[in-house]
Amino acid sequence: MSRVKALFLNASLKSSENPSNTEALWKEVEKIYEREDVTYESIRLADYYLPYGISKDLGEGDEWPYIFEKIKEADIVVLGTPLWLGEKSSIATKVLERMYGSSGETNDYGQAVYYNKVAGVVITGNEDGAKNAAQSILYRMSHIGFVIPPNVDAYWVGEAGPGPSFIEANGIENDFTKNHIEMLAYNTVHLAKIFKEQPIPAIGNTQE
């Protein structure tokens, strides 16, 4: 069996020239993936030109086709987002819309291209809204074909109001967050390995 591949899509509003609290939380997931012999890649979406729209290629420099190819190669896709005003970032919304616009493509079984892939989410912020963002992201990914294992919403939020973010607050010391990082990592790997050996049957699940 080939190695499981994981892809992290970081929907931070900051480019990779700046530190990302969401990326820092993801790094803790990476540590477990390394132990589980999972290959992984991280993409900072703000580094790419991704225009708004519901299409797999909007032309004129659209870099979504490159991101989409990475998604197709992955067995695990984890979307990471900061919280702003209690919601996922605008980039997270945009990439979910672009995923939806590409959902008409099929895999080798004639199913939606996202079938037999598992999804998760990591979230950071210094305000409430983590569960709201998680349910929004995970429902949308399930709707287009991803499988959602249990407890794959790893998040950290600080105290109400302005305050230190994940890195500054050393949020990784939070026991709840550490526990959810482990569940996210191990549960996504477990199901990804199952689907490599026993993919979802095509009957009743094709685009025809």
N, C-alpha and C. Protein backbone atom coordinates (compact mmCIF):
# COMPACT_ATOMS: atom_id res chain seq x y z
N MET A 1 0.84 -1.19 0.00
CA MET A 1 0.00 0.00 0.00
C MET A 1 0.88 1.24 0.00
N SER A 2 0.57 2.21 -0.88
CA SER A 2 1.34 3.44 -0.93
C SER A 2 1.10 4.27 0.32
N ARG A 3 2.02 5.17 0.60
CA ARG A 3 1.93 5.99 1.81
C ARG A 3 0.74 6.96 1.70
N VAL A 4 0.14 7.23 2.83
CA VAL A 4 -0.94 8.21 2.90
C VAL A 4 -0.36 9.61 2.72
N LYS A 5 -1.07 10.44 1.93
CA LYS A 5 -0.64 11.81 1.69
C LYS A 5 -1.63 12.78 2.33
N ALA A 6 -1.11 13.75 3.06
CA ALA A 6 -1.95 14.77 3.69
C ALA A 6 -1.62 16.14 3.12
N LEU A 7 -2.64 16.95 2.96
CA LEU A 7 -2.47 18.32 2.45
C LEU A 7 -3.13 19.28 3.43
N PHE A 8 -2.38 20.29 3.85
CA PHE A 8 -2.92 21.33 4.73
C PHE A 8 -3.11 22.60 3.92
N LEU A 9 -4.33 23.10 3.87
CA LEU A 9 -4.65 24.36 3.20
C LEU A 9 -4.86 25.42 4.27
N ASN A 10 -3.91 26.33 4.37
CA ASN A 10 -3.94 27.35 5.42
C ASN A 10 -4.63 28.60 4.89
N ALA A 11 -5.81 28.90 5.44
CA ALA A 11 -6.60 30.05 4.99
C ALA A 11 -6.35 31.29 5.83
N SER A 12 -5.15 31.40 6.39
CA SER A 12 -4.76 32.64 7.07
C SER A 12 -4.85 33.80 6.09
N LEU A 13 -5.16 34.98 6.59
CA LEU A 13 -5.20 36.17 5.75
C LEU A 13 -3.80 36.71 5.47
N LYS A 14 -2.80 36.13 6.13
CA LYS A 14 -1.42 36.59 5.97
C LYS A 14 -0.66 35.70 5.01
N SER A 15 0.24 36.29 4.24
CA SER A 15 1.08 35.51 3.34
C SER A 15 2.15 34.78 4.15
N SER A 16 2.91 33.92 3.49
CA SER A 16 3.90 33.09 4.19
C SER A 16 5.09 33.89 4.70
N GLU A 17 5.17 35.17 4.37
CA GLU A 17 6.23 36.03 4.92
C GLU A 17 5.98 36.33 6.40
N ASN A 18 4.78 36.05 6.86
CA ASN A 18 4.40 36.35 8.23
C ASN A 18 4.05 35.07 8.99
N PRO A 19 4.34 35.03 10.29
CA PRO A 19 4.00 33.84 11.07
C PRO A 19 2.48 33.65 11.15
N SER A 20 2.06 32.40 11.21
CA SER A 20 0.64 32.07 11.25
C SER A 20 0.36 31.21 12.48
N ASN A 21 -0.55 31.66 13.32
CA ASN A 21 -0.95 30.86 14.47
C ASN A 21 -1.62 29.56 14.04
N THR A 22 -2.38 29.62 12.97
CA THR A 22 -3.03 28.42 12.45
C THR A 22 -1.99 27.42 11.96
N GLU A 23 -0.95 27.90 11.33
CA GLU A 23 0.14 27.03 10.89
C GLU A 23 0.84 26.38 12.08
N ALA A 24 1.00 27.15 13.16
CA ALA A 24 1.67 26.63 14.35
C ALA A 24 0.88 25.47 14.95
N LEU A 25 -0.44 25.56 14.95
CA LEU A 25 -1.25 24.46 15.45
C LEU A 25 -1.11 23.25 14.52
N TRP A 26 -1.14 23.50 13.22
CA TRP A 26 -0.97 22.41 12.24
C TRP A 26 0.35 21.68 12.43
N LYS A 27 1.40 22.39 12.80
CA LYS A 27 2.71 21.76 12.99
C LYS A 27 2.65 20.65 14.03
N GLU A 28 1.75 20.78 14.99
CA GLU A 28 1.58 19.73 15.99
C GLU A 28 0.94 18.48 15.37
N VAL A 29 0.06 18.68 14.39
CA VAL A 29 -0.52 17.54 13.67
C VAL A 29 0.56 16.86 12.83
N GLU A 30 1.42 17.66 12.23
CA GLU A 30 2.51 17.12 11.41
C GLU A 30 3.38 16.14 12.20
N LYS A 31 3.63 16.45 13.46
CA LYS A 31 4.49 15.59 14.28
C LYS A 31 3.92 14.17 14.37
N ILE A 32 2.61 14.08 14.49
CA ILE A 32 1.98 12.76 14.56
C ILE A 32 2.00 12.09 13.19
N TYR A 33 1.75 12.87 12.14
CA TYR A 33 1.81 12.30 10.79
C TYR A 33 3.19 11.72 10.50
N GLU A 34 4.22 12.38 10.96
CA GLU A 34 5.58 11.87 10.77
C GLU A 34 5.73 10.50 11.44
N ARG A 35 5.23 10.38 12.65
CA ARG A 35 5.31 9.11 13.37
C ARG A 35 4.50 8.01 12.68
N GLU A 36 3.44 8.42 11.99
CA GLU A 36 2.58 7.46 11.30
C GLU A 36 2.98 7.24 9.85
N ASP A 37 4.15 7.76 9.46
CA ASP A 37 4.69 7.59 8.10
C ASP A 37 3.78 8.18 7.03
N VAL A 38 3.17 9.32 7.35
CA VAL A 38 2.33 10.05 6.41
C VAL A 38 3.15 11.17 5.77
N THR A 39 3.09 11.29 4.46
CA THR A 39 3.71 12.43 3.80
C THR A 39 2.74 13.61 3.85
N TYR A 40 3.26 14.82 3.95
CA TYR A 40 2.37 15.96 4.08
C TYR A 40 2.96 17.19 3.41
N GLU A 41 2.07 18.09 3.07
CA GLU A 41 2.45 19.35 2.43
C GLU A 41 1.53 20.43 2.95
N SER A 42 2.06 21.64 3.09
CA SER A 42 1.29 22.77 3.57
C SER A 42 1.29 23.87 2.51
N ILE A 43 0.12 24.43 2.23
CA ILE A 43 -0.01 25.52 1.26
C ILE A 43 -0.65 26.72 1.94
N ARG A 44 0.01 27.85 1.88
CA ARG A 44 -0.55 29.10 2.41
C ARG A 44 -1.34 29.75 1.27
N LEU A 45 -2.64 29.69 1.36
CA LEU A 45 -3.50 30.11 0.26
C LEU A 45 -3.34 31.59 -0.10
N ALA A 46 -2.98 32.42 0.87
CA ALA A 46 -2.81 33.85 0.61
C ALA A 46 -1.64 34.12 -0.34
N ASP A 47 -0.78 33.13 -0.56
CA ASP A 47 0.34 33.29 -1.48
C ASP A 47 -0.08 33.14 -2.94
N TYR A 48 -1.31 32.72 -3.18
CA TYR A 48 -1.76 32.40 -4.53
C TYR A 48 -2.89 33.32 -4.97
N TYR A 49 -2.96 33.52 -6.28
CA TYR A 49 -4.04 34.31 -6.85
C TYR A 49 -5.23 33.39 -7.09
N LEU A 50 -6.25 33.55 -6.26
CA LEU A 50 -7.44 32.70 -6.33
C LEU A 50 -8.66 33.61 -6.43
N PRO A 51 -9.07 33.96 -7.63
CA PRO A 51 -10.25 34.84 -7.76
C PRO A 51 -11.52 34.16 -7.30
N TYR A 52 -12.50 34.97 -6.95
CA TYR A 52 -13.79 34.45 -6.54
C TYR A 52 -14.54 33.87 -7.73
N GLY A 53 -15.26 32.78 -7.50
CA GLY A 53 -16.08 32.20 -8.55
C GLY A 53 -16.31 30.72 -8.32
N ILE A 54 -17.27 30.17 -9.04
CA ILE A 54 -17.61 28.75 -8.94
C ILE A 54 -17.22 28.11 -10.27
N SER A 55 -15.94 27.90 -10.44
CA SER A 55 -15.42 27.30 -11.66
C SER A 55 -14.06 26.69 -11.34
N LYS A 56 -13.69 25.64 -12.08
CA LYS A 56 -12.40 25.02 -11.82
C LYS A 56 -11.25 25.79 -12.44
N ASP A 57 -11.53 26.74 -13.33
CA ASP A 57 -10.47 27.57 -13.90
C ASP A 57 -11.09 28.87 -14.40
N LEU A 58 -10.73 29.97 -13.76
CA LEU A 58 -11.27 31.27 -14.13
C LEU A 58 -10.36 32.05 -15.06
N GLY A 59 -9.26 31.42 -15.51
CA GLY A 59 -8.37 32.05 -16.46
C GLY A 59 -7.62 33.25 -15.90
N GLU A 60 -6.88 33.95 -16.77
CA GLU A 60 -6.19 35.19 -16.41
C GLU A 60 -5.35 35.06 -15.15
N GLY A 61 -4.53 34.05 -15.09
CA GLY A 61 -3.62 33.89 -13.96
C GLY A 61 -4.18 33.14 -12.78
N ASP A 62 -5.38 32.61 -12.88
CA ASP A 62 -6.00 31.85 -11.79
C ASP A 62 -5.10 30.68 -11.40
N GLU A 63 -4.72 30.61 -10.13
CA GLU A 63 -3.84 29.54 -9.66
C GLU A 63 -4.59 28.41 -8.97
N TRP A 64 -5.91 28.45 -9.02
CA TRP A 64 -6.68 27.36 -8.42
C TRP A 64 -6.37 26.00 -9.05
N PRO A 65 -6.21 25.88 -10.37
CA PRO A 65 -5.91 24.56 -10.93
C PRO A 65 -4.71 23.88 -10.27
N TYR A 66 -3.69 24.64 -9.89
CA TYR A 66 -2.53 24.07 -9.19
C TYR A 66 -2.95 23.52 -7.83
N ILE A 67 -3.74 24.30 -7.07
CA ILE A 67 -4.21 23.86 -5.75
C ILE A 67 -5.08 22.61 -5.90
N PHE A 68 -5.95 22.63 -6.90
CA PHE A 68 -6.87 21.52 -7.12
C PHE A 68 -6.11 20.22 -7.42
N GLU A 69 -5.04 20.31 -8.18
CA GLU A 69 -4.23 19.11 -8.46
C GLU A 69 -3.63 18.55 -7.17
N LYS A 70 -3.21 19.42 -6.27
CA LYS A 70 -2.69 18.97 -4.98
C LYS A 70 -3.76 18.27 -4.16
N ILE A 71 -4.99 18.79 -4.21
CA ILE A 71 -6.09 18.17 -3.50
C ILE A 71 -6.38 16.79 -4.06
N LYS A 72 -6.37 16.67 -5.37
CA LYS A 72 -6.65 15.37 -6.00
C LYS A 72 -5.60 14.33 -5.64
N GLU A 73 -4.37 14.76 -5.41
CA GLU A 73 -3.29 13.84 -5.05
C GLU A 73 -3.36 13.40 -3.59
N ALA A 74 -4.07 14.15 -2.76
CA ALA A 74 -4.06 13.91 -1.32
C ALA A 74 -5.11 12.88 -0.90
N ASP A 75 -4.80 12.18 0.18
CA ASP A 75 -5.77 11.28 0.82
C ASP A 75 -6.46 11.97 1.98
N ILE A 76 -5.76 12.94 2.58
CA ILE A 76 -6.28 13.71 3.71
C ILE A 76 -6.16 15.19 3.36
N VAL A 77 -7.23 15.94 3.52
CA VAL A 77 -7.19 17.38 3.31
C VAL A 77 -7.67 18.07 4.59
N VAL A 78 -6.80 18.87 5.16
CA VAL A 78 -7.13 19.61 6.38
C VAL A 78 -7.15 21.10 6.04
N LEU A 79 -8.26 21.74 6.29
CA LEU A 79 -8.38 23.18 6.06
C LEU A 79 -8.20 23.91 7.38
N GLY A 80 -7.29 24.86 7.40
CA GLY A 80 -7.03 25.64 8.60
C GLY A 80 -7.48 27.07 8.44
N THR A 81 -8.05 27.63 9.49
CA THR A 81 -8.51 29.01 9.40
C THR A 81 -8.37 29.73 10.73
N PRO A 82 -8.06 31.02 10.67
CA PRO A 82 -8.20 31.86 11.86
C PRO A 82 -9.66 32.25 12.02
N LEU A 83 -10.00 32.78 13.17
CA LEU A 83 -11.34 33.30 13.43
C LEU A 83 -11.34 34.82 13.33
N TRP A 84 -12.30 35.34 12.60
CA TRP A 84 -12.51 36.78 12.54
C TRP A 84 -13.99 37.04 12.72
N LEU A 85 -14.35 37.80 13.75
CA LEU A 85 -15.74 38.09 14.07
C LEU A 85 -16.55 36.80 14.24
N GLY A 86 -15.90 35.80 14.85
CA GLY A 86 -16.59 34.56 15.14
C GLY A 86 -16.79 33.63 13.96
N GLU A 87 -16.11 33.91 12.84
CA GLU A 87 -16.31 33.14 11.62
C GLU A 87 -14.98 32.69 11.02
N LYS A 88 -15.05 31.72 10.12
CA LYS A 88 -13.88 31.33 9.32
C LYS A 88 -13.48 32.52 8.46
N SER A 89 -12.24 32.50 7.97
CA SER A 89 -11.74 33.62 7.18
C SER A 89 -12.41 33.66 5.81
N SER A 90 -12.32 34.82 5.16
CA SER A 90 -12.87 34.97 3.81
C SER A 90 -12.14 34.06 2.83
N ILE A 91 -10.86 33.80 3.06
CA ILE A 91 -10.12 32.90 2.17
C ILE A 91 -10.62 31.47 2.33
N ALA A 92 -10.97 31.07 3.55
CA ALA A 92 -11.55 29.74 3.76
C ALA A 92 -12.85 29.60 2.98
N THR A 93 -13.68 30.63 3.04
CA THR A 93 -14.94 30.60 2.29
C THR A 93 -14.67 30.48 0.80
N LYS A 94 -13.71 31.26 0.32
CA LYS A 94 -13.40 31.25 -1.11
C LYS A 94 -12.89 29.90 -1.58
N VAL A 95 -12.02 29.26 -0.80
CA VAL A 95 -11.47 27.97 -1.24
C VAL A 95 -12.54 26.89 -1.20
N LEU A 96 -13.49 26.97 -0.27
CA LEU A 96 -14.61 26.03 -0.26
C LEU A 96 -15.49 26.22 -1.48
N GLU A 97 -15.68 27.46 -1.89
CA GLU A 97 -16.45 27.73 -3.11
C GLU A 97 -15.74 27.20 -4.34
N ARG A 98 -14.42 27.35 -4.37
CA ARG A 98 -13.66 26.84 -5.50
C ARG A 98 -13.67 25.30 -5.53
N MET A 99 -13.59 24.67 -4.34
CA MET A 99 -13.72 23.21 -4.28
C MET A 99 -15.06 22.78 -4.87
N TYR A 100 -16.11 23.48 -4.47
CA TYR A 100 -17.44 23.15 -4.98
C TYR A 100 -17.49 23.30 -6.50
N GLY A 101 -16.85 24.33 -7.01
CA GLY A 101 -16.82 24.56 -8.45
C GLY A 101 -16.09 23.48 -9.22
N SER A 102 -15.23 22.72 -8.53
CA SER A 102 -14.48 21.64 -9.17
C SER A 102 -15.08 20.26 -8.88
N SER A 103 -16.21 20.24 -8.18
CA SER A 103 -16.75 18.96 -7.71
C SER A 103 -17.41 18.14 -8.80
N GLY A 104 -17.54 18.70 -10.00
CA GLY A 104 -18.12 17.93 -11.10
C GLY A 104 -17.16 16.90 -11.66
N GLU A 105 -15.87 17.03 -11.36
CA GLU A 105 -14.90 16.04 -11.84
C GLU A 105 -15.09 14.73 -11.07
N THR A 106 -14.69 13.64 -11.71
CA THR A 106 -14.89 12.33 -11.09
C THR A 106 -13.56 11.59 -10.93
N ASN A 107 -13.58 10.60 -10.03
CA ASN A 107 -12.41 9.75 -9.84
C ASN A 107 -12.52 8.54 -10.77
N ASP A 108 -11.64 7.57 -10.59
CA ASP A 108 -11.61 6.40 -11.48
C ASP A 108 -12.86 5.54 -11.38
N TYR A 109 -13.65 5.73 -10.33
CA TYR A 109 -14.87 4.94 -10.14
C TYR A 109 -16.12 5.68 -10.62
N GLY A 110 -15.93 6.88 -11.16
CA GLY A 110 -17.08 7.68 -11.60
C GLY A 110 -17.75 8.44 -10.49
N GLN A 111 -17.11 8.47 -9.31
CA GLN A 111 -17.64 9.22 -8.18
C GLN A 111 -17.11 10.65 -8.18
N ALA A 112 -17.71 11.50 -7.36
CA ALA A 112 -17.16 12.84 -7.18
C ALA A 112 -15.69 12.74 -6.82
N VAL A 113 -14.89 13.64 -7.32
CA VAL A 113 -13.44 13.57 -7.20
C VAL A 113 -12.96 13.56 -5.75
N TYR A 114 -13.79 14.04 -4.82
CA TYR A 114 -13.39 14.10 -3.41
C TYR A 114 -13.74 12.83 -2.64
N TYR A 115 -14.37 11.86 -3.31
CA TYR A 115 -14.69 10.59 -2.65
C TYR A 115 -13.41 9.87 -2.24
N ASN A 116 -13.49 9.11 -1.16
CA ASN A 116 -12.37 8.33 -0.62
C ASN A 116 -11.24 9.21 -0.10
N LYS A 117 -11.56 10.47 0.16
CA LYS A 117 -10.64 11.37 0.84
C LYS A 117 -11.27 11.76 2.18
N VAL A 118 -10.44 11.98 3.18
CA VAL A 118 -10.96 12.38 4.48
C VAL A 118 -10.55 13.82 4.78
N ALA A 119 -11.33 14.47 5.59
CA ALA A 119 -11.11 15.90 5.85
C ALA A 119 -11.10 16.19 7.34
N GLY A 120 -10.45 17.29 7.68
CA GLY A 120 -10.42 17.79 9.04
C GLY A 120 -10.22 19.29 9.01
N VAL A 121 -10.19 19.91 10.18
CA VAL A 121 -10.05 21.36 10.25
C VAL A 121 -9.24 21.73 11.49
N VAL A 122 -8.39 22.74 11.36
CA VAL A 122 -7.72 23.34 12.51
C VAL A 122 -8.07 24.82 12.54
N ILE A 123 -8.28 25.34 13.76
CA ILE A 123 -8.79 26.70 13.92
C ILE A 123 -8.08 27.37 15.09
N THR A 124 -7.71 28.62 14.91
CA THR A 124 -7.15 29.40 16.01
C THR A 124 -7.79 30.79 16.03
N GLY A 125 -7.84 31.37 17.22
CA GLY A 125 -8.37 32.73 17.35
C GLY A 125 -8.38 33.16 18.79
N ASN A 126 -8.50 34.45 19.02
CA ASN A 126 -8.58 34.93 20.40
C ASN A 126 -10.00 35.41 20.70
N GLU A 127 -10.96 34.71 20.10
CA GLU A 127 -12.36 35.00 20.35
C GLU A 127 -13.15 33.72 20.08
N ASP A 128 -14.40 33.71 20.43
CA ASP A 128 -15.23 32.53 20.26
C ASP A 128 -15.58 32.33 18.78
N GLY A 129 -16.05 31.13 18.44
CA GLY A 129 -16.51 30.86 17.09
C GLY A 129 -15.91 29.60 16.48
N ALA A 130 -15.10 28.87 17.25
CA ALA A 130 -14.42 27.69 16.69
C ALA A 130 -15.42 26.62 16.24
N LYS A 131 -16.40 26.31 17.07
CA LYS A 131 -17.37 25.28 16.70
C LYS A 131 -18.22 25.73 15.52
N ASN A 132 -18.55 27.00 15.47
CA ASN A 132 -19.31 27.54 14.36
C ASN A 132 -18.53 27.40 13.05
N ALA A 133 -17.25 27.75 13.08
CA ALA A 133 -16.42 27.63 11.88
C ALA A 133 -16.23 26.17 11.49
N ALA A 134 -16.03 25.30 12.49
CA ALA A 134 -15.81 23.88 12.21
C ALA A 134 -17.03 23.26 11.53
N GLN A 135 -18.22 23.54 12.06
CA GLN A 135 -19.41 22.93 11.47
C GLN A 135 -19.63 23.46 10.05
N SER A 136 -19.32 24.72 9.83
CA SER A 136 -19.48 25.31 8.51
C SER A 136 -18.54 24.65 7.50
N ILE A 137 -17.29 24.49 7.87
CA ILE A 137 -16.29 23.90 6.97
C ILE A 137 -16.55 22.42 6.75
N LEU A 138 -16.76 21.67 7.83
CA LEU A 138 -16.86 20.22 7.70
C LEU A 138 -18.15 19.81 6.98
N TYR A 139 -19.24 20.54 7.18
CA TYR A 139 -20.45 20.22 6.42
C TYR A 139 -20.20 20.41 4.93
N ARG A 140 -19.60 21.52 4.56
CA ARG A 140 -19.38 21.80 3.14
C ARG A 140 -18.46 20.75 2.50
N MET A 141 -17.45 20.32 3.23
CA MET A 141 -16.55 19.31 2.68
C MET A 141 -17.25 17.96 2.56
N SER A 142 -18.09 17.63 3.54
CA SER A 142 -18.87 16.40 3.45
C SER A 142 -19.83 16.45 2.26
N HIS A 143 -20.44 17.58 2.04
CA HIS A 143 -21.44 17.73 0.98
C HIS A 143 -20.86 17.45 -0.40
N ILE A 144 -19.58 17.76 -0.61
CA ILE A 144 -18.99 17.55 -1.93
C ILE A 144 -18.25 16.22 -2.03
N GLY A 145 -18.25 15.42 -0.96
CA GLY A 145 -17.73 14.06 -1.10
C GLY A 145 -16.71 13.61 -0.08
N PHE A 146 -16.12 14.52 0.67
CA PHE A 146 -15.15 14.12 1.69
C PHE A 146 -15.84 13.34 2.81
N VAL A 147 -15.08 12.44 3.42
CA VAL A 147 -15.56 11.74 4.61
C VAL A 147 -15.00 12.44 5.85
N ILE A 148 -15.86 12.66 6.83
CA ILE A 148 -15.47 13.36 8.05
C ILE A 148 -15.37 12.36 9.20
N PRO A 149 -14.17 12.03 9.65
CA PRO A 149 -14.03 11.13 10.81
C PRO A 149 -14.52 11.85 12.08
N PRO A 150 -14.66 11.13 13.19
CA PRO A 150 -15.07 11.79 14.43
C PRO A 150 -13.96 12.66 15.01
N ASN A 151 -14.38 13.76 15.60
CA ASN A 151 -13.47 14.63 16.37
C ASN A 151 -12.25 15.11 15.58
N VAL A 152 -12.52 15.68 14.41
CA VAL A 152 -11.41 16.18 13.58
C VAL A 152 -11.42 17.71 13.53
N ASP A 153 -11.90 18.33 14.60
CA ASP A 153 -11.87 19.79 14.71
C ASP A 153 -10.91 20.19 15.83
N ALA A 154 -9.66 20.33 15.48
CA ALA A 154 -8.65 20.74 16.47
C ALA A 154 -8.59 22.26 16.51
N TYR A 155 -8.80 22.81 17.70
CA TYR A 155 -8.82 24.27 17.76
C TYR A 155 -8.30 24.79 19.09
N TRP A 156 -7.97 26.08 19.06
CA TRP A 156 -7.60 26.82 20.27
C TRP A 156 -8.15 28.22 20.15
N VAL A 157 -8.79 28.70 21.23
CA VAL A 157 -9.22 30.09 21.28
C VAL A 157 -8.81 30.68 22.63
N GLY A 158 -8.43 31.95 22.59
CA GLY A 158 -8.03 32.64 23.81
C GLY A 158 -9.22 33.22 24.54
N GLU A 159 -8.92 34.04 25.52
CA GLU A 159 -9.98 34.68 26.30
C GLU A 159 -10.76 35.67 25.46
N ALA A 160 -11.96 35.98 25.91
CA ALA A 160 -12.80 36.93 25.18
C ALA A 160 -12.11 38.28 25.06
N GLY A 161 -12.28 38.89 23.90
CA GLY A 161 -11.69 40.20 23.67
C GLY A 161 -10.26 40.12 23.18
N PRO A 162 -9.63 41.26 22.92
CA PRO A 162 -8.25 41.27 22.44
C PRO A 162 -7.32 40.59 23.44
N GLY A 163 -6.31 39.93 22.91
CA GLY A 163 -5.37 39.24 23.78
C GLY A 163 -4.38 38.44 22.97
N PRO A 164 -3.50 37.71 23.64
CA PRO A 164 -2.48 36.94 22.93
C PRO A 164 -3.09 35.82 22.09
N SER A 165 -2.49 35.57 20.92
CA SER A 165 -2.93 34.50 20.05
C SER A 165 -2.18 33.21 20.37
N PHE A 166 -2.44 32.17 19.59
CA PHE A 166 -1.98 30.81 19.90
C PHE A 166 -0.49 30.74 20.21
N ILE A 167 0.35 31.33 19.36
CA ILE A 167 1.81 31.24 19.55
C ILE A 167 2.21 31.99 20.81
N GLU A 168 1.77 33.23 20.93
CA GLU A 168 2.16 34.08 22.06
C GLU A 168 1.67 33.50 23.39
N ALA A 169 0.49 32.88 23.36
CA ALA A 169 -0.10 32.34 24.59
C ALA A 169 0.37 30.92 24.89
N ASN A 170 1.26 30.38 24.02
CA ASN A 170 1.70 28.99 24.18
C ASN A 170 0.50 28.05 24.28
N GLY A 171 -0.42 28.23 23.32
CA GLY A 171 -1.68 27.52 23.34
C GLY A 171 -1.56 26.01 23.26
N ILE A 172 -0.43 25.52 22.78
CA ILE A 172 -0.25 24.07 22.67
C ILE A 172 -0.24 23.40 24.03
N GLU A 173 -0.08 24.14 25.09
CA GLU A 173 -0.11 23.55 26.43
C GLU A 173 -1.54 23.27 26.91
N ASN A 174 -2.53 23.70 26.14
CA ASN A 174 -3.91 23.45 26.51
C ASN A 174 -4.25 21.97 26.29
N ASP A 175 -4.68 21.29 27.34
CA ASP A 175 -4.94 19.85 27.25
C ASP A 175 -6.04 19.51 26.26
N PHE A 176 -7.09 20.31 26.22
CA PHE A 176 -8.19 20.06 25.28
C PHE A 176 -7.68 20.13 23.84
N THR A 177 -6.88 21.14 23.55
CA THR A 177 -6.33 21.30 22.21
C THR A 177 -5.42 20.13 21.85
N LYS A 178 -4.56 19.74 22.77
CA LYS A 178 -3.66 18.60 22.51
C LYS A 178 -4.45 17.33 22.23
N ASN A 179 -5.50 17.12 22.98
CA ASN A 179 -6.33 15.92 22.78
C ASN A 179 -6.97 15.92 21.40
N HIS A 180 -7.47 17.06 20.97
CA HIS A 180 -8.12 17.13 19.66
C HIS A 180 -7.12 17.05 18.52
N ILE A 181 -5.92 17.52 18.72
CA ILE A 181 -4.87 17.34 17.71
C ILE A 181 -4.63 15.86 17.49
N GLU A 182 -4.53 15.10 18.57
CA GLU A 182 -4.31 13.66 18.45
C GLU A 182 -5.47 12.97 17.75
N MET A 183 -6.71 13.32 18.12
CA MET A 183 -7.86 12.68 17.48
C MET A 183 -7.91 13.03 16.00
N LEU A 184 -7.65 14.29 15.67
CA LEU A 184 -7.61 14.69 14.25
C LEU A 184 -6.59 13.87 13.48
N ALA A 185 -5.39 13.80 14.00
CA ALA A 185 -4.32 13.13 13.28
C ALA A 185 -4.57 11.62 13.14
N TYR A 186 -4.83 10.96 14.24
CA TYR A 186 -4.98 9.50 14.20
C TYR A 186 -6.25 9.07 13.46
N ASN A 187 -7.35 9.81 13.63
CA ASN A 187 -8.59 9.41 12.99
C ASN A 187 -8.56 9.64 11.48
N THR A 188 -7.92 10.71 11.03
CA THR A 188 -7.81 10.92 9.59
C THR A 188 -6.92 9.86 8.95
N VAL A 189 -5.82 9.51 9.60
CA VAL A 189 -4.93 8.49 9.06
C VAL A 189 -5.63 7.13 9.01
N HIS A 190 -6.35 6.81 10.08
CA HIS A 190 -7.04 5.51 10.15
C HIS A 190 -7.99 5.33 8.97
N LEU A 191 -8.85 6.31 8.72
CA LEU A 191 -9.81 6.17 7.64
C LEU A 191 -9.15 6.27 6.27
N ALA A 192 -8.12 7.10 6.14
CA ALA A 192 -7.43 7.20 4.86
C ALA A 192 -6.82 5.85 4.47
N LYS A 193 -6.27 5.14 5.43
CA LYS A 193 -5.71 3.82 5.15
C LYS A 193 -6.80 2.83 4.75
N ILE A 194 -7.94 2.91 5.40
CA ILE A 194 -9.05 2.02 5.04
C ILE A 194 -9.48 2.25 3.60
N PHE A 195 -9.64 3.53 3.21
CA PHE A 195 -10.11 3.83 1.86
C PHE A 195 -9.10 3.44 0.79
N LYS A 196 -7.82 3.40 1.11
CA LYS A 196 -6.83 2.93 0.15
C LYS A 196 -7.04 1.44 -0.15
N GLU A 197 -7.45 0.68 0.86
CA GLU A 197 -7.67 -0.75 0.70
C GLU A 197 -9.11 -1.07 0.28
N GLN A 198 -10.06 -0.30 0.81
CA GLN A 198 -11.47 -0.57 0.57
C GLN A 198 -12.20 0.73 0.26
N PRO A 199 -12.09 1.22 -0.97
CA PRO A 199 -12.77 2.47 -1.33
C PRO A 199 -14.29 2.32 -1.27
N ILE A 200 -14.97 3.44 -1.15
CA ILE A 200 -16.43 3.45 -1.13
C ILE A 200 -16.94 2.85 -2.44
N PRO A 201 -17.87 1.90 -2.39
CA PRO A 201 -18.36 1.26 -3.63
C PRO A 201 -18.96 2.30 -4.58
N ALA A 202 -18.78 2.07 -5.87
CA ALA A 202 -19.30 3.00 -6.87
C ALA A 202 -20.81 2.96 -6.96
N ILE A 203 -21.40 1.78 -6.72
CA ILE A 203 -22.85 1.64 -6.87
C ILE A 203 -23.60 2.63 -5.97
N GLY A 204 -24.46 3.39 -6.59
CA GLY A 204 -25.22 4.39 -5.85
C GLY A 204 -24.46 5.67 -5.56
N ASN A 205 -23.20 5.74 -6.00
CA ASN A 205 -22.36 6.90 -5.65
C ASN A 205 -21.64 7.49 -6.85
N THR A 206 -22.18 7.31 -8.04
CA THR A 206 -21.53 7.88 -9.23
C THR A 206 -22.23 9.18 -9.62
N GLN A 207 -21.58 9.91 -10.50
CA GLN A 207 -22.13 11.19 -10.97
C GLN A 207 -23.11 11.01 -12.10
N GLU A 208 -23.26 9.79 -12.60
CA GLU A 208 -24.17 9.56 -13.73
C GLU A 208 -25.62 9.75 -13.30
